[in-house]
Amino acid sequence: MYSFRSKVRYSEVNKDGKLDIPSIINYFQDCSTFQSESLGLGVEHLKKEKRAWLLNAWQVEFIKDAYLMEDIEIGTWSWGAKGIYGHRNFVLNDAKGNRLVNGNSLWVFTDITTGKPVIVEPKDIEPYGIEPPIDMTDYGRKIKIEGNGEQYTSFKVRKYHIDTNGHVNNAVYVQFATEYLNDDIRVKVLRVEYRKPAVYGDVIYPVIYRDGSSLTVLLNDEKGSGYAKVQFIY
């Protein structure tokens, strides 16, 4: 496992002083990026190779909350790769090693010149090593919706939403979706299904589906095609 330590910052907490969900996703993404950079397989290497690991799906389980000024440790490891896919787990622990958050993710290895998936070669994955996956409930990669959703006001992608791939950052979609989550909800599981990348200037049309135990946010384009689906289970 690759890991790094941090302290919960004021800029990362919600109104209750708890580490918020988008910040947790950012910690996980940073951790995997740090590992890749430490192995010489980071951003510049991938640019030279005309490759990118694009996130396809998240499943994150929230066990306990972390609070402002709390010491935390974030960890990640690969638990396998097959074909065009790579699998990666994440954890967030407190200073005593108690588990606060579990995460599982699915990535697609992509040719950035064509935008099409490519087969993962041994040189692309072997330096990471392989460790056993976390025992987590598998909700599946696809987020299913039922009934009629409620259309909300559209909004435009801004420059500060964009990452080094030229797309809306993965964590920003989650941040978009939290706008529609009631403040009194205690989220147990986050699921995200990424469909196609949004870029600067795109307009996002949110459609919201609610039931007694979950909130699902579709982040669509003007034709109703999805950029991402975000689901909060409580």
Protein backbone atom coordinates (compact mmCIF):
# COMPACT_ATOMS: atom_id res chain seq x y z
CA MET A 1 0.00 0.00 0.00
CA TYR A 2 1.13 3.50 -0.81
CA SER A 3 0.09 6.05 1.82
CA PHE A 4 0.59 9.59 3.06
CA ARG A 5 -0.46 11.46 6.18
CA SER A 6 -2.37 14.69 6.46
CA LYS A 7 -4.43 16.83 8.82
CA VAL A 8 -8.02 17.82 8.10
CA ARG A 9 -7.94 21.43 6.97
CA TYR A 10 -10.55 24.15 7.43
CA SER A 11 -10.93 24.33 3.62
CA GLU A 12 -11.95 20.64 3.59
CA VAL A 13 -14.78 20.61 6.14
CA ASN A 14 -18.50 21.27 5.87
CA LYS A 15 -20.63 23.47 8.11
CA ASP A 16 -20.44 20.85 10.87
CA GLY A 17 -16.64 20.74 10.85
CA LYS A 18 -16.54 17.29 9.21
CA LEU A 19 -14.31 16.34 6.29
CA ASP A 20 -16.68 16.65 3.33
CA ILE A 21 -17.26 14.10 0.58
CA PRO A 22 -15.56 15.96 -2.31
CA SER A 23 -12.46 16.45 -0.14
CA ILE A 24 -12.33 12.72 0.57
CA ILE A 25 -12.46 12.02 -3.17
CA ASN A 26 -9.70 14.57 -3.70
CA TYR A 27 -7.56 12.85 -1.04
CA PHE A 28 -8.04 9.51 -2.80
CA GLN A 29 -7.20 10.95 -6.20
CA ASP A 30 -4.15 12.73 -4.82
CA CYS A 31 -2.96 9.51 -3.19
CA SER A 32 -3.09 7.54 -6.44
CA THR A 33 -1.39 10.43 -8.26
CA PHE A 34 1.39 10.56 -5.64
CA GLN A 35 1.99 6.84 -6.06
CA SER A 36 2.14 7.12 -9.85
CA GLU A 37 4.53 10.07 -9.67
CA SER A 38 6.78 8.22 -7.20
CA LEU A 39 7.01 5.30 -9.66
CA GLY A 40 7.78 7.52 -12.65
CA LEU A 41 4.38 6.75 -14.16
CA GLY A 42 2.71 10.09 -13.47
CA VAL A 43 1.25 12.92 -15.48
CA GLU A 44 4.26 13.77 -17.68
CA HIS A 45 5.04 10.11 -18.37
CA LEU A 46 1.48 9.45 -19.50
CA LYS A 47 1.49 12.54 -21.73
CA LYS A 48 4.62 11.28 -23.48
CA GLU A 49 3.04 7.86 -23.92
CA LYS A 50 -0.23 9.44 -25.17
CA ARG A 51 -2.06 7.55 -22.47
CA ALA A 52 -4.34 8.33 -19.54
CA TRP A 53 -6.08 6.41 -16.79
CA LEU A 54 -9.68 7.66 -16.93
CA LEU A 55 -11.92 6.94 -13.98
CA ASN A 56 -14.96 4.88 -14.90
CA ALA A 57 -16.63 4.27 -11.53
CA TRP A 58 -16.42 4.92 -7.80
CA GLN A 59 -17.89 3.12 -4.81
CA VAL A 60 -17.05 4.72 -1.47
CA GLU A 61 -18.23 3.59 1.98
CA PHE A 62 -18.30 6.12 4.82
CA ILE A 63 -17.80 4.41 8.19
CA LYS A 64 -16.87 7.24 10.56
CA ASP A 65 -16.39 10.99 10.19
CA ALA A 66 -13.10 12.87 10.32
CA TYR A 67 -13.09 16.35 11.87
CA LEU A 68 -11.19 19.61 11.58
CA MET A 69 -7.54 19.29 12.72
CA GLU A 70 -7.76 15.49 12.96
CA ASP A 71 -4.67 13.56 11.86
CA ILE A 72 -5.48 11.13 9.06
CA GLU A 73 -3.70 8.69 6.75
CA ILE A 74 -4.77 8.01 3.16
CA GLY A 75 -3.74 4.81 1.39
CA THR A 76 -4.17 3.13 -1.98
CA TRP A 77 -3.18 0.01 -3.89
CA SER A 78 -3.91 -1.80 -7.13
CA TRP A 79 -5.79 -5.07 -6.81
CA GLY A 80 -5.69 -6.09 -10.45
CA ALA A 81 -5.89 -5.20 -14.12
CA LYS A 82 -7.45 -7.02 -17.06
CA GLY A 83 -7.91 -5.93 -20.65
CA ILE A 84 -8.54 -2.18 -20.69
CA TYR A 85 -9.41 -1.96 -16.97
CA GLY A 86 -7.49 -1.30 -13.78
CA HIS A 87 -8.85 -1.80 -10.25
CA ARG A 88 -7.76 0.30 -7.29
CA ASN A 89 -8.73 0.40 -3.60
CA PHE A 90 -8.46 3.35 -1.23
CA VAL A 91 -8.66 3.78 2.53
CA LEU A 92 -8.79 6.70 4.93
CA ASN A 93 -7.78 5.96 8.52
CA ASP A 94 -7.52 7.99 11.70
CA ALA A 95 -4.22 8.45 13.57
CA LYS A 96 -4.73 5.13 15.42
CA GLY A 97 -5.29 3.19 12.22
CA ASN A 98 -9.06 2.91 12.61
CA ARG A 99 -10.86 2.78 9.29
CA LEU A 100 -12.99 5.82 8.44
CA VAL A 101 -13.60 5.35 4.71
CA ASN A 102 -13.23 2.52 2.17
CA GLY A 103 -13.09 3.12 -1.56
CA ASN A 104 -13.08 1.01 -4.70
CA SER A 105 -12.55 2.35 -8.20
CA LEU A 106 -12.49 1.18 -11.81
CA TRP A 107 -10.23 2.87 -14.36
CA VAL A 108 -10.00 2.64 -18.15
CA PHE A 109 -6.61 2.88 -19.87
CA THR A 110 -7.10 5.28 -22.78
CA ASP A 111 -5.25 6.53 -25.85
CA ILE A 112 -5.57 10.31 -25.52
CA THR A 113 -5.05 10.87 -29.28
CA THR A 114 -8.05 8.73 -30.25
CA GLY A 115 -10.06 8.79 -27.03
CA LYS A 116 -10.41 5.01 -27.28
CA PRO A 117 -9.51 2.39 -24.64
CA VAL A 118 -6.31 0.39 -25.07
CA ILE A 119 -5.08 -2.84 -23.52
CA VAL A 120 -3.07 -2.47 -20.32
CA GLU A 121 0.46 -3.78 -20.84
CA PRO A 122 2.63 -5.27 -18.07
CA LYS A 123 4.90 -2.19 -18.04
CA ASP A 124 1.86 -0.04 -17.26
CA ILE A 125 0.71 -1.96 -14.20
CA GLU A 126 3.47 -4.21 -12.79
CA PRO A 127 5.38 -1.39 -11.01
CA TYR A 128 2.32 -0.86 -8.79
CA GLY A 129 2.24 -4.43 -7.54
CA ILE A 130 -0.95 -6.27 -6.65
CA GLU A 131 -2.60 -6.60 -3.23
CA PRO A 132 -5.88 -8.25 -2.19
CA PRO A 133 -9.04 -6.14 -2.59
CA ILE A 134 -11.08 -4.79 0.30
CA ASP A 135 -14.10 -6.90 1.20
CA MET A 136 -16.85 -4.44 0.22
CA THR A 137 -20.47 -4.85 -0.82
CA ASP A 138 -20.51 -4.70 -4.62
CA TYR A 139 -23.30 -2.43 -5.84
CA GLY A 140 -22.24 -2.85 -9.45
CA ARG A 141 -20.69 -0.42 -11.89
CA LYS A 142 -23.95 0.74 -13.49
CA ILE A 143 -26.30 3.03 -11.55
CA LYS A 144 -29.93 2.17 -12.34
CA ILE A 145 -32.70 4.75 -12.07
CA GLU A 146 -36.47 4.40 -11.98
CA GLY A 147 -39.36 6.82 -12.30
CA ASN A 148 -39.30 10.42 -13.43
CA GLY A 149 -36.54 12.78 -12.48
CA GLU A 150 -36.83 16.47 -11.66
CA GLN A 151 -34.97 18.86 -13.95
CA TYR A 152 -32.96 21.57 -12.18
CA THR A 153 -31.35 24.78 -13.45
CA SER A 154 -28.46 24.23 -15.84
CA PHE A 155 -24.98 25.64 -15.24
CA LYS A 156 -21.76 26.12 -17.21
CA VAL A 157 -18.40 24.41 -16.67
CA ARG A 158 -15.82 26.94 -15.45
CA LYS A 159 -12.04 27.03 -15.85
CA TYR A 160 -11.49 26.08 -12.20
CA HIS A 161 -13.33 22.78 -12.79
CA ILE A 162 -10.71 21.54 -15.30
CA ASP A 163 -7.75 19.25 -14.59
CA THR A 164 -4.55 18.34 -16.50
CA ASN A 165 -6.51 16.12 -18.90
CA GLY A 166 -8.53 19.13 -20.05
CA HIS A 167 -11.70 17.67 -18.54
CA VAL A 168 -13.86 18.38 -15.51
CA ASN A 169 -12.03 16.78 -12.59
CA ASN A 170 -13.59 13.57 -11.27
CA ALA A 171 -14.15 15.02 -7.80
CA VAL A 172 -15.91 18.08 -9.21
CA TYR A 173 -18.83 15.97 -10.49
CA VAL A 174 -19.33 14.80 -6.90
CA GLN A 175 -19.14 18.41 -5.73
CA PHE A 176 -21.78 19.36 -8.28
CA ALA A 177 -24.08 16.61 -7.02
CA THR A 178 -23.77 17.47 -3.31
CA GLU A 179 -25.66 20.71 -4.05
CA TYR A 180 -28.88 18.65 -4.16
CA LEU A 181 -28.22 16.66 -0.98
CA ASN A 182 -30.13 17.70 2.14
CA ASP A 183 -27.86 18.92 4.95
CA ASP A 184 -29.32 16.48 7.50
CA ILE A 185 -28.54 13.38 5.41
CA ARG A 186 -25.82 11.00 6.64
CA VAL A 187 -24.43 9.39 3.49
CA LYS A 188 -23.39 5.76 3.88
CA VAL A 189 -22.30 5.00 0.31
CA LEU A 190 -21.31 7.10 -2.68
CA ARG A 191 -21.48 5.67 -6.18
CA VAL A 192 -20.34 7.44 -9.33
CA GLU A 193 -20.60 6.29 -12.92
CA TYR A 194 -18.64 8.41 -15.40
CA ARG A 195 -19.97 8.45 -18.96
CA LYS A 196 -18.15 11.09 -21.01
CA PRO A 197 -15.90 14.00 -20.00
CA ALA A 198 -17.24 17.53 -19.81
CA VAL A 199 -14.90 20.34 -20.88
CA TYR A 200 -14.66 24.08 -20.35
CA GLY A 201 -17.75 25.90 -21.61
CA ASP A 202 -20.05 22.85 -21.64
CA VAL A 203 -23.46 23.34 -20.07
CA ILE A 204 -24.60 20.75 -17.53
CA TYR A 205 -28.27 19.92 -17.03
CA PRO A 206 -28.90 18.18 -13.69
CA VAL A 207 -31.79 15.75 -13.27
CA ILE A 208 -32.57 14.56 -9.75
CA TYR A 209 -34.13 11.26 -8.67
CA ARG A 210 -35.11 10.80 -5.02
CA ASP A 211 -36.46 7.87 -3.04
CA GLY A 212 -36.52 6.96 0.63
CA SER A 213 -32.95 5.70 0.79
CA SER A 214 -31.01 7.41 -1.98
CA LEU A 215 -30.51 10.50 -4.12
CA THR A 216 -29.31 10.07 -7.69
CA VAL A 217 -28.05 13.03 -9.70
CA LEU A 218 -27.72 12.81 -13.48
CA LEU A 219 -25.35 15.40 -14.89
CA ASN A 220 -26.37 15.59 -18.55
CA ASP A 221 -25.66 17.57 -21.70
CA GLU A 222 -28.35 19.48 -23.60
CA LYS A 223 -29.38 16.31 -25.47
CA GLY A 224 -29.88 14.31 -22.28
CA SER A 225 -26.70 12.28 -22.71
CA GLY A 226 -24.88 11.78 -19.45
CA TYR A 227 -21.54 13.15 -18.35
CA ALA A 228 -21.86 11.35 -15.01
CA LYS A 229 -24.30 9.74 -12.59
CA VAL A 230 -23.78 10.34 -8.87
CA GLN A 231 -25.71 8.39 -6.26
CA PHE A 232 -25.79 8.93 -2.49
CA ILE A 233 -27.16 6.05 -0.43
CA TYR A 234 -28.25 6.76 3.14
